[in-house]
C-alpha atoms as a PDB file:
ATOM      1  CA  MET A   1     -31.602 -93.548  90.699  1.00  0.00           C
ATOM      2  CA  ASP A   2     -35.389 -93.318  90.158  1.00  0.00           C
ATOM      3  CA  SER A   3     -37.138 -90.970  92.576  1.00  0.00           C
ATOM      4  CA  PRO A   4     -40.079 -92.235  94.879  1.00  0.00           C
ATOM      5  CA  GLY A   5     -43.405 -91.967  93.241  1.00  0.00           C
ATOM      6  CA  ARG A   6     -46.387 -90.538  95.269  1.00  0.00           C
ATOM      7  CA  PRO A   7     -47.389 -92.888  97.988  1.00  0.00           C
ATOM      8  CA  THR A   8     -50.576 -94.975  97.294  1.00  0.00           C
ATOM      9  CA  ALA A   9     -53.485 -95.693  99.857  1.00  0.00           C
ATOM     10  CA  GLU A  10     -52.220 -99.190  99.753  1.00  0.00           C
ATOM     11  CA  GLU A  11     -48.603 -98.286 100.515  1.00  0.00           C
ATOM     12  CA  ILE A  12     -49.526 -96.041 103.390  1.00  0.00           C
ATOM     13  CA  GLU A  13     -51.591 -98.968 104.960  1.00  0.00           C
ATOM     14  CA  ARG A  14     -49.264-101.474 104.623  1.00  0.00           C
ATOM     15  CA  LEU A  15     -46.464 -99.490 106.159  1.00  0.00           C
ATOM     16  CA  LEU A  16     -48.347 -98.131 109.152  1.00  0.00           C
ATOM     17  CA  VAL A  17     -50.496-101.200 109.764  1.00  0.00           C
ATOM     18  CA  GLY A  18     -48.076-103.750 108.946  1.00  0.00           C
ATOM     19  CA  THR A  19     -50.203-106.616 107.921  1.00  0.00           C
ATOM     20  CA  PRO A  20     -51.733-107.029 104.401  1.00  0.00           C
ATOM     21  CA  ALA A  21     -55.513-107.041 103.739  1.00  0.00           C
ATOM     22  CA  ARG A  22     -56.672-110.650 102.681  1.00  0.00           C
ATOM     23  CA  TYR A  23     -60.281-111.193 104.335  1.00  0.00           C
ATOM     24  CA  THR A  24     -63.800-109.992 103.544  1.00  0.00           C
ATOM     25  CA  ARG A  25     -66.111-109.000 106.371  1.00  0.00           C
ATOM     26  CA  ALA A  26     -67.593-112.429 106.754  1.00  0.00           C
ATOM     27  CA  GLU A  27     -64.285-114.026 106.666  1.00  0.00           C
ATOM     28  CA  VAL A  28     -62.886-111.971 109.408  1.00  0.00           C
ATOM     29  CA  ALA A  29     -65.785-112.513 111.705  1.00  0.00           C
ATOM     30  CA  ALA A  30     -65.655-116.266 111.066  1.00  0.00           C
ATOM     31  CA  LYS A  31     -61.799-116.407 111.884  1.00  0.00           C
ATOM     32  CA  ALA A  32     -62.258-114.448 114.898  1.00  0.00           C
ATOM     33  CA  GLY A  33     -65.218-116.445 116.076  1.00  0.00           C
ATOM     34  CA  VAL A  34     -67.885-113.594 116.384  1.00  0.00           C
ATOM     35  CA  SER A  35     -70.931-112.941 114.579  1.00  0.00           C
ATOM     36  CA  ARG A  36     -71.070-110.823 111.419  1.00  0.00           C
ATOM     37  CA  GLU A  37     -73.468-108.436 113.214  1.00  0.00           C
ATOM     38  CA  LEU A  38     -71.205-107.863 116.040  1.00  0.00           C
ATOM     39  CA  ALA A  39     -68.202-107.221 113.846  1.00  0.00           C
ATOM     40  CA  GLU A  40     -70.045-104.752 111.978  1.00  0.00           C
ATOM     41  CA  ARG A  41     -71.143-102.866 114.910  1.00  0.00           C
ATOM     42  CA  ILE A  42     -67.626-102.854 116.425  1.00  0.00           C
ATOM     43  CA  TRP A  43     -66.209-101.299 112.954  1.00  0.00           C
ATOM     44  CA  ARG A  44     -69.019 -98.692 113.197  1.00  0.00           C
ATOM     45  CA  ALA A  45     -68.103 -97.882 116.605  1.00  0.00           C
ATOM     46  CA  LEU A  46     -64.514 -97.618 115.857  1.00  0.00           C
ATOM     47  CA  GLY A  47     -65.681 -95.035 113.062  1.00  0.00           C
ATOM     48  CA  PHE A  48     -64.862 -96.977 109.922  1.00  0.00           C
ATOM     49  CA  ALA A  49     -67.243 -97.100 106.963  1.00  0.00           C
ATOM     50  CA  THR A  50     -69.143-100.119 106.072  1.00  0.00           C
ATOM     51  CA  LEU A  51     -67.466-101.754 102.972  1.00  0.00           C
ATOM     52  CA  PRO A  52     -68.992-104.045 100.416  1.00  0.00           C
ATOM     53  CA  ASP A  53     -69.616-107.726 101.258  1.00  0.00           C
ATOM     54  CA  ASP A  54     -66.921-108.679  98.663  1.00  0.00           C
ATOM     55  CA  ALA A  55     -64.219-106.141  99.484  1.00  0.00           C
ATOM     56  CA  VAL A  56     -61.052-107.651 100.720  1.00  0.00           C
ATOM     57  CA  ALA A  57     -60.116-105.204 103.506  1.00  0.00           C
ATOM     58  CA  PHE A  58     -59.408-106.930 106.754  1.00  0.00           C
ATOM     59  CA  SER A  59     -56.102-108.499 107.966  1.00  0.00           C
ATOM     60  CA  ASP A  60     -54.703-110.824 110.529  1.00  0.00           C
ATOM     61  CA  ALA A  61     -54.396-108.121 112.958  1.00  0.00           C
ATOM     62  CA  ASP A  62     -58.203-107.461 112.461  1.00  0.00           C
ATOM     63  CA  VAL A  63     -58.753-110.945 113.210  1.00  0.00           C
ATOM     64  CA  SER A  64     -56.603-110.784 116.329  1.00  0.00           C
ATOM     65  CA  ALA A  65     -58.306-107.629 117.556  1.00  0.00           C
ATOM     66  CA  LEU A  66     -61.854-109.157 117.153  1.00  0.00           C
ATOM     67  CA  GLY A  67     -60.722-112.188 118.895  1.00  0.00           C
ATOM     68  CA  ARG A  68     -59.732-110.200 121.918  1.00  0.00           C
ATOM     69  CA  VAL A  69     -63.118-108.692 121.884  1.00  0.00           C
ATOM     70  CA  ARG A  70     -64.713-112.119 121.885  1.00  0.00           C
ATOM     71  CA  THR A  71     -62.597-113.133 124.844  1.00  0.00           C
ATOM     72  CA  MET A  72     -63.716-110.121 126.916  1.00  0.00           C
ATOM     73  CA  LEU A  73     -67.306-111.155 126.044  1.00  0.00           C
ATOM     74  CA  ASP A  74     -66.820-114.661 126.828  1.00  0.00           C
ATOM     75  CA  SER A  75     -65.175-113.929 130.223  1.00  0.00           C
ATOM     76  CA  GLY A  76     -68.529-112.331 131.318  1.00  0.00           C
ATOM     77  CA  LEU A  77     -66.602-109.427 132.880  1.00  0.00           C
ATOM     78  CA  LEU A  78     -68.101-106.961 130.292  1.00  0.00           C
ATOM     79  CA  ASP A  79     -71.419-107.341 128.348  1.00  0.00           C
ATOM     80  CA  GLU A  80     -71.895-106.354 124.745  1.00  0.00           C
ATOM     81  CA  GLN A  81     -73.208-102.799 125.342  1.00  0.00           C
ATOM     82  CA  THR A  82     -70.377-101.947 127.545  1.00  0.00           C
ATOM     83  CA  VAL A  83     -67.616-103.168 125.016  1.00  0.00           C
ATOM     84  CA  LEU A  84     -69.222-101.270 122.367  1.00  0.00           C
ATOM     85  CA  ARG A  85     -69.177 -98.102 124.405  1.00  0.00           C
ATOM     86  CA  MET A  86     -65.553 -98.724 125.187  1.00  0.00           C
ATOM     87  CA  THR A  87     -64.992 -99.222 121.440  1.00  0.00           C
ATOM     88  CA  ARG A  88     -66.722 -96.212 120.447  1.00  0.00           C
ATOM     89  CA  ALA A  89     -64.484 -94.186 123.038  1.00  0.00           C
ATOM     90  CA  LEU A  90     -61.416 -95.738 121.378  1.00  0.00           C
ATOM     91  CA  GLY A  91     -62.533 -94.956 117.964  1.00  0.00           C
ATOM     92  CA  ARG A  92     -63.348 -91.397 118.570  1.00  0.00           C
ATOM     93  CA  THR A  93     -60.340 -90.667 120.561  1.00  0.00           C
ATOM     94  CA  THR A  94     -57.641 -92.413 118.219  1.00  0.00           C
ATOM     95  CA  ALA A  95     -59.303 -90.986 115.076  1.00  0.00           C
ATOM     96  CA  ARG A  96     -58.802 -87.420 116.550  1.00  0.00           C
ATOM     97  CA  LEU A  97     -55.218 -88.243 117.636  1.00  0.00           C
ATOM     98  CA  ALA A  98     -54.238 -89.766 114.359  1.00  0.00           C
ATOM     99  CA  GLN A  99     -55.570 -86.878 112.324  1.00  0.00           C
ATOM    100  CA  TRP A 100     -53.814 -84.337 114.781  1.00  0.00           C
ATOM    101  CA  GLN A 101     -50.616 -86.039 114.619  1.00  0.00           C
ATOM    102  CA  ALA A 102     -50.801 -86.361 110.590  1.00  0.00           C
ATOM    103  CA  GLU A 103     -51.345 -82.737 110.386  1.00  0.00           C
ATOM    104  CA  ILE A 104     -48.406 -82.010 112.568  1.00  0.00           C
ATOM    105  CA  MET A 105     -46.184 -84.207 110.548  1.00  0.00           C
ATOM    106  CA  VAL A 106     -47.355 -82.801 107.349  1.00  0.00           C
ATOM    107  CA  GLY A 107     -46.922 -79.190 108.674  1.00  0.00           C
ATOM    108  CA  ALA A 108     -43.450 -79.741 109.772  1.00  0.00           C
ATOM    109  CA  MET A 109     -42.183 -81.551 106.833  1.00  0.00           C
ATOM    110  CA  LEU A 110     -43.947 -80.180 103.869  1.00  0.00           C
ATOM    111  CA  PRO A 111     -43.428 -76.758 102.101  1.00  0.00           C
ATOM    112  CA  LYS A 112     -45.812 -74.274 103.478  1.00  0.00           C
ATOM    113  CA  ASP A 113     -46.338 -72.115 100.335  1.00  0.00           C
ATOM    114  CA  ALA A 114     -45.877 -74.664  97.581  1.00  0.00           C
ATOM    115  CA  GLU A 115     -47.224 -78.114  96.391  1.00  0.00           C
ATOM    116  CA  ALA A 116     -45.474 -80.889  97.846  1.00  0.00           C
ATOM    117  CA  SER A 117     -43.406 -83.157  95.443  1.00  0.00           C
ATOM    118  CA  ASP A 118     -43.753 -86.879  95.392  1.00  0.00           C
ATOM    119  CA  ARG A 119     -40.479 -87.205  96.943  1.00  0.00           C
ATOM    120  CA  GLU A 120     -41.410 -85.062  99.812  1.00  0.00           C
ATOM    121  CA  LEU A 121     -44.627 -87.001 100.316  1.00  0.00           C
ATOM    122  CA  ALA A 122     -42.693 -90.160 100.384  1.00  0.00           C
ATOM    123  CA  ARG A 123     -40.353 -88.843 102.870  1.00  0.00           C
ATOM    124  CA  VAL A 124     -43.226 -87.907 105.334  1.00  0.00           C
ATOM    125  CA  LEU A 125     -44.275 -91.566 104.980  1.00  0.00           C
ATOM    126  CA  GLU A 126     -40.810 -93.048 105.615  1.00  0.00           C
ATOM    127  CA  THR A 127     -40.391 -90.799 108.653  1.00  0.00           C
ATOM    128  CA  ALA A 128     -43.668 -91.776 110.039  1.00  0.00           C
ATOM    129  CA  GLN A 129     -42.782 -95.401 109.574  1.00  0.00           C
ATOM    130  CA  HIS A 130     -39.532 -94.863 111.189  1.00  0.00           C
ATOM    131  CA  LEU A 131     -40.806 -93.208 114.259  1.00  0.00           C
ATOM    132  CA  LEU A 132     -43.905 -95.611 114.720  1.00  0.00           C
ATOM    133  CA  PRO A 133     -42.419 -98.100 117.177  1.00  0.00           C
ATOM    134  CA  ASP A 134     -41.527 -95.101 119.522  1.00  0.00           C
ATOM    135  CA  PHE A 135     -44.888 -93.361 119.142  1.00  0.00           C
ATOM    136  CA  GLU A 136     -46.680 -96.711 119.754  1.00  0.00           C
ATOM    137  CA  HIS A 137     -44.626 -97.343 122.947  1.00  0.00           C
ATOM    138  CA  VAL A 138     -45.276 -93.959 124.207  1.00  0.00           C
ATOM    139  CA  LEU A 139     -48.882 -94.010 123.351  1.00  0.00           C
ATOM    140  CA  VAL A 140     -49.636 -97.057 125.433  1.00  0.00           C
ATOM    141  CA  HIS A 141     -47.491 -95.737 128.404  1.00  0.00           C
ATOM    142  CA  VAL A 142     -49.260 -92.353 128.402  1.00  0.00           C
ATOM    143  CA  TRP A 143     -52.591 -94.115 127.976  1.00  0.00           C
ATOM    144  CA  ARG A 144     -51.922 -96.136 131.141  1.00  0.00           C
ATOM    145  CA  ALA A 145     -50.797 -93.282 133.157  1.00  0.00           C
ATOM    146  CA  GLN A 146     -53.999 -91.229 131.898  1.00  0.00           C
ATOM    147  CA  LEU A 147     -56.067 -94.167 133.049  1.00  0.00           C
ATOM    148  CA  ALA A 148     -54.540 -94.182 136.388  1.00  0.00           C
ATOM    149  CA  ALA A 149     -55.113 -90.420 136.778  1.00  0.00           C
ATOM    150  CA  ALA A 150     -58.631 -90.870 135.664  1.00  0.00           C
ATOM    151  CA  GLY A 151     -59.235 -93.736 138.170  1.00  0.00           C
ATOM    152  CA  THR A 152     -57.737 -91.689 140.995  1.00  0.00           C
ATOM    153  CA  ARG A 153     -60.015 -88.547 140.265  1.00  0.00           C
ATOM    154  CA  MET A 154     -62.949 -90.916 140.074  1.00  0.00           C
ATOM    155  CA  LEU A 155     -62.024 -92.330 143.368  1.00  0.00           C
ATOM    156  CA  ALA A 156     -61.393 -89.183 145.050  1.00  0.00           C
ATOM    157  CA  LEU A 157     -64.791 -87.899 143.981  1.00  0.00           C
ATOM    158  CA  ALA A 158     -66.514 -91.054 144.989  1.00  0.00           C
ATOM    159  CA  ASP A 159     -64.838 -90.909 148.525  1.00  0.00           C
ATOM    160  CA  VAL A 160     -65.898 -87.160 148.925  1.00  0.00           C
ATOM    161  CA  HIS A 161     -69.403 -87.550 147.999  1.00  0.00           C
ATOM    162  CA  ASP A 162     -70.072 -91.186 148.835  1.00  0.00           C
ATOM    163  CA  GLU A 163     -71.947 -91.662 145.852  1.00  0.00           C
ATOM    164  CA  THR A 164     -71.374 -93.984 142.710  1.00  0.00           C
ATOM    165  CA  VAL A 165     -68.866 -92.799 140.160  1.00  0.00           C
ATOM    166  CA  MET A 166     -71.428 -92.036 137.454  1.00  0.00           C
ATOM    167  CA  SER A 167     -73.560 -89.901 139.497  1.00  0.00           C
ATOM    168  CA  ARG A 168     -73.614 -86.171 139.821  1.00  0.00           C
ATOM    169  CA  VAL A 169     -70.753 -84.670 141.761  1.00  0.00           C
ATOM    170  CA  ASN A 170     -69.976 -81.032 142.815  1.00  0.00           C
ATOM    171  CA  ILE A 171     -66.899 -79.591 141.077  1.00  0.00           C
ATOM    172  CA  THR A 172     -65.816 -76.579 139.534  1.00  0.00           C
ATOM    173  CA  VAL A 173     -66.206 -75.982 135.696  1.00  0.00           C
ATOM    174  CA  GLY A 174     -64.625 -73.048 133.761  1.00  0.00           C
ATOM    175  CA  PHE A 175     -64.789 -71.761 130.418  1.00  0.00           C
ATOM    176  CA  ALA A 176     -61.969 -69.472 128.954  1.00  0.00           C
ATOM    177  CA  ASP A 177     -62.698 -67.620 125.917  1.00  0.00           C
ATOM    178  CA  LEU A 178     -60.185 -65.890 123.690  1.00  0.00           C
ATOM    179  CA  VAL A 179     -61.144 -62.229 123.404  1.00  0.00           C
ATOM    180  CA  ALA A 180     -62.083 -60.843 120.003  1.00  0.00           C
ATOM    181  CA  PHE A 181     -61.333 -63.979 118.263  1.00  0.00           C
ATOM    182  CA  THR A 182     -63.560 -63.411 115.138  1.00  0.00           C
ATOM    183  CA  ARG A 183     -62.058 -60.020 114.442  1.00  0.00           C
ATOM    184  CA  ARG A 184     -58.458 -61.277 114.928  1.00  0.00           C
ATOM    185  CA  ALA A 185     -59.207 -64.285 112.629  1.00  0.00           C
ATOM    186  CA  ARG A 186     -60.276 -62.096 109.630  1.00  0.00           C
ATOM    187  CA  ASP A 187     -56.746 -60.397 109.597  1.00  0.00           C
ATOM    188  CA  LEU A 188     -54.950 -63.850 109.524  1.00  0.00           C
ATOM    189  CA  ASP A 189     -54.364 -66.486 106.830  1.00  0.00           C
ATOM    190  CA  GLU A 190     -55.134 -70.171 107.301  1.00  0.00           C
ATOM    191  CA  ARG A 191     -51.653 -70.949 108.865  1.00  0.00           C
ATOM    192  CA  GLU A 192     -51.543 -68.049 111.174  1.00  0.00           C
ATOM    193  CA  LEU A 193     -55.122 -68.636 112.227  1.00  0.00           C
ATOM    194  CA  ALA A 194     -54.116 -72.420 113.016  1.00  0.00           C
ATOM    195  CA  ASP A 195     -50.932 -71.186 114.940  1.00  0.00           C
ATOM    196  CA  LEU A 196     -53.244 -68.871 117.093  1.00  0.00           C
ATOM    197  CA  VAL A 197     -55.571 -71.501 118.049  1.00  0.00           C
ATOM    198  CA  GLU A 198     -52.970 -74.228 118.645  1.00  0.00           C
ATOM    199  CA  GLY A 199     -50.985 -71.686 120.598  1.00  0.00           C
ATOM    200  CA  PHE A 200     -53.819 -70.768 122.764  1.00  0.00           C
ATOM    201  CA  GLU A 201     -54.898 -74.448 123.345  1.00  0.00           C
ATOM    202  CA  ALA A 202     -51.298 -75.366 124.136  1.00  0.00           C
ATOM    203  CA  ARG A 203     -50.804 -72.639 126.662  1.00  0.00           C
ATOM    204  CA  ALA A 204     -54.054 -73.281 128.251  1.00  0.00           C
ATOM    205  CA  ALA A 205     -53.509 -76.978 128.553  1.00  0.00           C
ATOM    206  CA  ASP A 206     -50.111 -76.407 130.293  1.00  0.00           C
ATOM    207  CA  VAL A 207     -51.571 -74.004 132.930  1.00  0.00           C
ATOM    208  CA  VAL A 208     -54.472 -76.566 133.618  1.00  0.00           C
ATOM    209  CA  ALA A 209     -52.227 -79.411 133.861  1.00  0.00           C
ATOM    210  CA  ALA A 210     -49.562 -77.709 136.033  1.00  0.00           C
ATOM    211  CA  ARG A 211     -52.347 -77.074 138.552  1.00  0.00           C
ATOM    212  CA  GLY A 212     -53.642 -80.530 138.789  1.00  0.00           C
ATOM    213  CA  ALA A 213     -57.024 -79.645 136.876  1.00  0.00           C
ATOM    214  CA  ARG A 214     -58.346 -81.219 133.808  1.00  0.00           C
ATOM    215  CA  LEU A 215     -58.687 -79.946 130.148  1.00  0.00           C
ATOM    216  CA  VAL A 216     -62.008 -81.376 129.056  1.00  0.00           C
ATOM    217  CA  LYS A 217     -62.049 -80.127 125.459  1.00  0.00           C
ATOM    218  CA  THR A 218     -61.127 -77.344 123.246  1.00  0.00           C
ATOM    219  CA  LEU A 219     -63.437 -75.537 121.209  1.00  0.00           C
ATOM    220  CA  GLY A 220     -60.913 -73.438 118.846  1.00  0.00           C
ATOM    221  CA  ASP A 221     -61.121 -70.007 120.704  1.00  0.00           C
ATOM    222  CA  GLU A 222     -62.449 -71.612 123.921  1.00  0.00           C
ATOM    223  CA  VAL A 223     -61.373 -74.251 126.333  1.00  0.00           C
ATOM    224  CA  LEU A 224     -63.516 -76.071 128.945  1.00  0.00           C
ATOM    225  CA  PHE A 225     -61.670 -77.210 132.126  1.00  0.00           C
ATOM    226  CA  THR A 226     -62.729 -78.770 135.498  1.00  0.00           C
ATOM    227  CA  ALA A 227     -60.907 -78.509 138.882  1.00  0.00           C
ATOM    228  CA  PRO A 228     -60.925 -80.876 141.849  1.00  0.00           C
ATOM    229  CA  THR A 229     -61.292 -77.866 144.185  1.00  0.00           C
ATOM    230  CA  PRO A 230     -62.594 -74.205 143.968  1.00  0.00           C
ATOM    231  CA  LEU A 231     -59.155 -72.955 145.114  1.00  0.00           C
ATOM    232  CA  VAL A 232     -57.284 -74.697 142.326  1.00  0.00           C
ATOM    233  CA  ALA A 233     -59.947 -73.521 139.758  1.00  0.00           C
ATOM    234  CA  ALA A 234     -59.412 -69.892 140.926  1.00  0.00           C
ATOM    235  CA  GLU A 235     -55.475 -70.372 140.540  1.00  0.00           C
ATOM    236  CA  VAL A 236     -56.013 -71.945 136.873  1.00  0.00           C
ATOM    237  CA  ALA A 237     -58.119 -69.008 135.942  1.00  0.00           C
ATOM    238  CA  LEU A 238     -56.087 -66.183 137.508  1.00  0.00           C
ATOM    239  CA  GLU A 239     -52.915 -67.659 135.740  1.00  0.00           C
ATOM    240  CA  LEU A 240     -54.833 -68.174 132.300  1.00  0.00           C
ATOM    241  CA  VAL A 241     -56.163 -64.495 132.313  1.00  0.00           C
ATOM    242  CA  ALA A 242     -52.666 -63.200 133.246  1.00  0.00           C
ATOM    243  CA  ALA A 243     -51.170 -64.966 130.180  1.00  0.00           C
ATOM    244  CA  GLU A 244     -53.828 -64.493 127.512  1.00  0.00           C
ATOM    245  CA  GLU A 245     -56.354 -61.912 126.552  1.00  0.00           C
ATOM    246  CA  LEU A 246     -59.189 -64.035 127.927  1.00  0.00           C
ATOM    247  CA  ARG A 247     -62.435 -63.654 129.417  1.00  0.00           C
ATOM    248  CA  ILE A 248     -63.439 -66.659 131.866  1.00  0.00           C
ATOM    249  CA  GLY A 249     -66.566 -67.796 133.497  1.00  0.00           C
ATOM    250  CA  MET A 250     -66.702 -70.449 136.202  1.00  0.00           C
ATOM    251  CA  ALA A 251     -69.516 -72.343 138.361  1.00  0.00           C
ATOM    252  CA  TYR A 252     -69.631 -74.656 141.074  1.00  0.00           C
ATOM    253  CA  GLY A 253     -72.150 -77.382 141.462  1.00  0.00           C
ATOM    254  CA  PRO A 254     -73.520 -80.671 140.557  1.00  0.00           C
ATOM    255  CA  VAL A 255     -71.962 -82.083 137.040  1.00  0.00           C
ATOM    256  CA  LEU A 256     -72.635 -85.373 135.328  1.00  0.00           C
ATOM    257  CA  PRO A 257     -69.411 -86.749 133.702  1.00  0.00           C
ATOM    258  CA  MET A 258     -69.983 -88.734 130.820  1.00  0.00           C
ATOM    259  CA  MET A 259     -67.989 -89.857 127.746  1.00  0.00           C
ATOM    260  CA  GLY A 260     -65.026 -87.838 128.994  1.00  0.00           C
ATOM    261  CA  ASP A 261     -67.170 -84.440 128.855  1.00  0.00           C
ATOM    262  CA  VAL A 262     -69.197 -82.911 131.591  1.00  0.00           C
ATOM    263  CA  PHE A 263     -72.875 -82.006 131.362  1.00  0.00           C
ATOM    264  CA  GLY A 264     -75.522 -80.151 133.511  1.00  0.00           C
ATOM    265  CA  THR A 265     -76.821 -76.836 134.574  1.00  0.00           C
ATOM    266  CA  THR A 266     -73.534 -75.931 136.258  1.00  0.00           C
ATOM    267  CA  VAL A 267     -71.683 -76.260 132.896  1.00  0.00           C
ATOM    268  CA  ASN A 268     -74.397 -74.069 131.296  1.00  0.00           C
ATOM    269  CA  LEU A 269     -73.966 -71.419 133.967  1.00  0.00           C
ATOM    270  CA  ALA A 270     -70.301 -71.293 133.464  1.00  0.00           C
ATOM    271  CA  ALA A 271     -70.699 -70.666 129.627  1.00  0.00           C
ATOM    272  CA  ARG A 272     -73.380 -68.018 130.347  1.00  0.00           C
ATOM    273  CA  LEU A 273     -70.929 -66.459 132.951  1.00  0.00           C
ATOM    274  CA  THR A 274     -68.146 -66.236 130.172  1.00  0.00           C
ATOM    275  CA  ALA A 275     -70.461 -64.121 127.981  1.00  0.00           C
ATOM    276  CA  ILE A 276     -70.903 -61.992 130.740  1.00  0.00           C
ATOM    277  CA  ALA A 277     -67.319 -61.513 131.666  1.00  0.00           C
ATOM    278  CA  ARG A 278     -65.416 -58.385 130.255  1.00  0.00           C
ATOM    279  CA  PRO A 279     -62.145 -58.850 128.582  1.00  0.00           C
ATOM    280  CA  GLY A 280     -59.289 -59.775 131.081  1.00  0.00           C
ATOM    281  CA  THR A 281     -61.953 -60.749 133.946  1.00  0.00           C
ATOM    282  CA  ILE A 282     -63.042 -63.785 135.664  1.00  0.00           C
ATOM    283  CA  VAL A 283     -66.756 -63.982 136.771  1.00  0.00           C
ATOM    284  CA  VAL A 284     -67.957 -66.738 138.938  1.00  0.00           C
ATOM    285  CA  ASP A 285     -71.407 -67.876 140.244  1.00  0.00           C
ATOM    286  CA  ALA A 286     -72.588 -67.495 143.714  1.00  0.00           C
ATOM    287  CA  GLY A 287     -71.974 -71.068 144.512  1.00  0.00           C
ATOM    288  CA  LEU A 288     -68.156 -70.798 143.697  1.00  0.00           C
ATOM    289  CA  ALA A 289     -68.066 -67.421 145.375  1.00  0.00           C
ATOM    290  CA  ALA A 290     -69.278 -68.978 148.615  1.00  0.00           C
ATOM    291  CA  GLU A 291     -66.778 -71.765 148.304  1.00  0.00           C
ATOM    292  CA  LEU A 292     -63.864 -69.234 148.053  1.00  0.00           C
ATOM    293  CA  ALA A 293     -65.058 -66.851 150.917  1.00  0.00           C
ATOM    294  CA  GLY A 294     -62.341 -66.755 153.404  1.00  0.00           C
ATOM    295  CA  GLN A 295     -59.443 -67.715 151.010  1.00  0.00           C
ATOM    296  CA  ASN A 296     -56.595 -65.290 151.522  1.00  0.00           C
ATOM    297  CA  ALA A 297     -55.094 -65.550 148.152  1.00  0.00           C
ATOM    298  CA  VAL A 298     -58.350 -64.498 146.269  1.00  0.00           C
ATOM    299  CA  GLU A 299     -61.180 -62.267 146.703  1.00  0.00           C
ATOM    300  CA  VAL A 300     -64.651 -62.169 145.127  1.00  0.00           C
ATOM    301  CA  VAL A 301     -66.643 -58.923 144.390  1.00  0.00           C
ATOM    302  CA  ARG A 302     -70.353 -58.944 143.851  1.00  0.00           C
ATOM    303  CA  ILE A 303     -71.483 -57.051 140.743  1.00  0.00           C
ATOM    304  CA  ARG A 304     -75.004 -56.363 139.452  1.00  0.00           C
ATOM    305  CA  ARG A 305     -77.339 -59.235 138.783  1.00  0.00           C
ATOM    306  CA  ARG A 306     -77.663 -60.270 135.094  1.00  0.00           C
ATOM    307  CA  PRO A 307     -79.979 -62.279 132.945  1.00  0.00           C
ATOM    308  CA  ALA A 308     -78.547 -65.568 131.743  1.00  0.00           C
ATOM    309  CA  ARG A 309     -80.017 -67.124 128.663  1.00  0.00           C
ATOM    310  CA  GLY A 310     -82.073 -70.220 129.771  1.00  0.00           C
ATOM    311  CA  LEU A 311     -81.136 -69.746 133.436  1.00  0.00           C
ATOM    312  CA  GLY A 312     -82.993 -66.780 134.464  1.00  0.00           C
ATOM    313  CA  VAL A 313     -81.274 -63.975 136.466  1.00  0.00           C
ATOM    314  CA  VAL A 314     -78.190 -64.798 138.143  1.00  0.00           C
ATOM    315  CA  GLN A 315     -75.950 -63.199 140.761  1.00  0.00           C
ATOM    316  CA  PRO A 316     -72.254 -63.118 139.252  1.00  0.00           C
ATOM    317  CA  TYR A 317     -69.045 -62.198 141.143  1.00  0.00           C
ATOM    318  CA  VAL A 318     -65.685 -61.003 139.806  1.00  0.00           C
ATOM    319  CA  LEU A 319     -62.768 -62.999 141.085  1.00  0.00           C
ATOM    320  CA  ARG A 320     -59.353 -61.513 141.456  1.00  0.00           C
ATOM    321  CA  ARG A 321     -56.221 -61.820 143.445  1.00  0.00           C
ATOM    322  CA  SER A 322     -56.406 -60.607 146.995  1.00  0.00           C
ATOM    323  CA  SER A 323     -55.020 -56.965 147.566  1.00  0.00           C
ATOM    324  CA  GLY A 324     -54.315 -57.675 151.130  1.00  0.00           C
END
């Protein structure tokens, strides 16, 4: 029996997308009933390269997707700018998800210290095809659940602050930084470094989620999280620093939530406080210290004032569990 050859790009697309390419850019736009200009803006927002006019690269599934966009626009519920913003969010998120999942599959199924054979590469593709329906079902379910959670958080913030959802709201922002990451990274090979980063991010994500906080993003040796209340933020930070060799900075104040991220002076202050913190300690700003005052489970201790780049001199506090 002949061994399978190395999978081609066409085979990967056919197996994972499911429908063959048969249309050019102009043809897919015409079939979906949208302008070529809008179709091109949608593909760019999704993160796909602009192809030559005569490239046959679009399928019936692409026609269907563009048709749904046209239906949303025709309904009048969303304008074109909002649709493109939603599309860009979808493209960025799914691109990272797909890359991450592909790396996991390859890392789990291919040899770690040798070049993969054509048979082994084909087996990865076959496994992905077999698991795809289950992954797709779980993806949609998790997306709906996450959307519900995001809506609940926004509703709670709107109720508390009596403001529009996209306005600045007062929340706690924290950065947790892996101590001596650069030095440790020098002693590790690429796979060990990847294991270190992924392990840190996984443990941080578990702690943040278990407390009802939100992991905003990971930056290799650092994670950014937000918490609905100052006390939840304190519990997250204390649990994180007990489990890892970290230093943590947190601040409480107005934050602008946008594109799944958070922006503003409060975020910058939390980052500066992380740089001030010693290994194994949590440093918070005066606003968070005031919010935590009187809490039996934690205590804050004022330390000397420090300069914070771009923010002037700030008054930091060290957060720790109450000794009482």
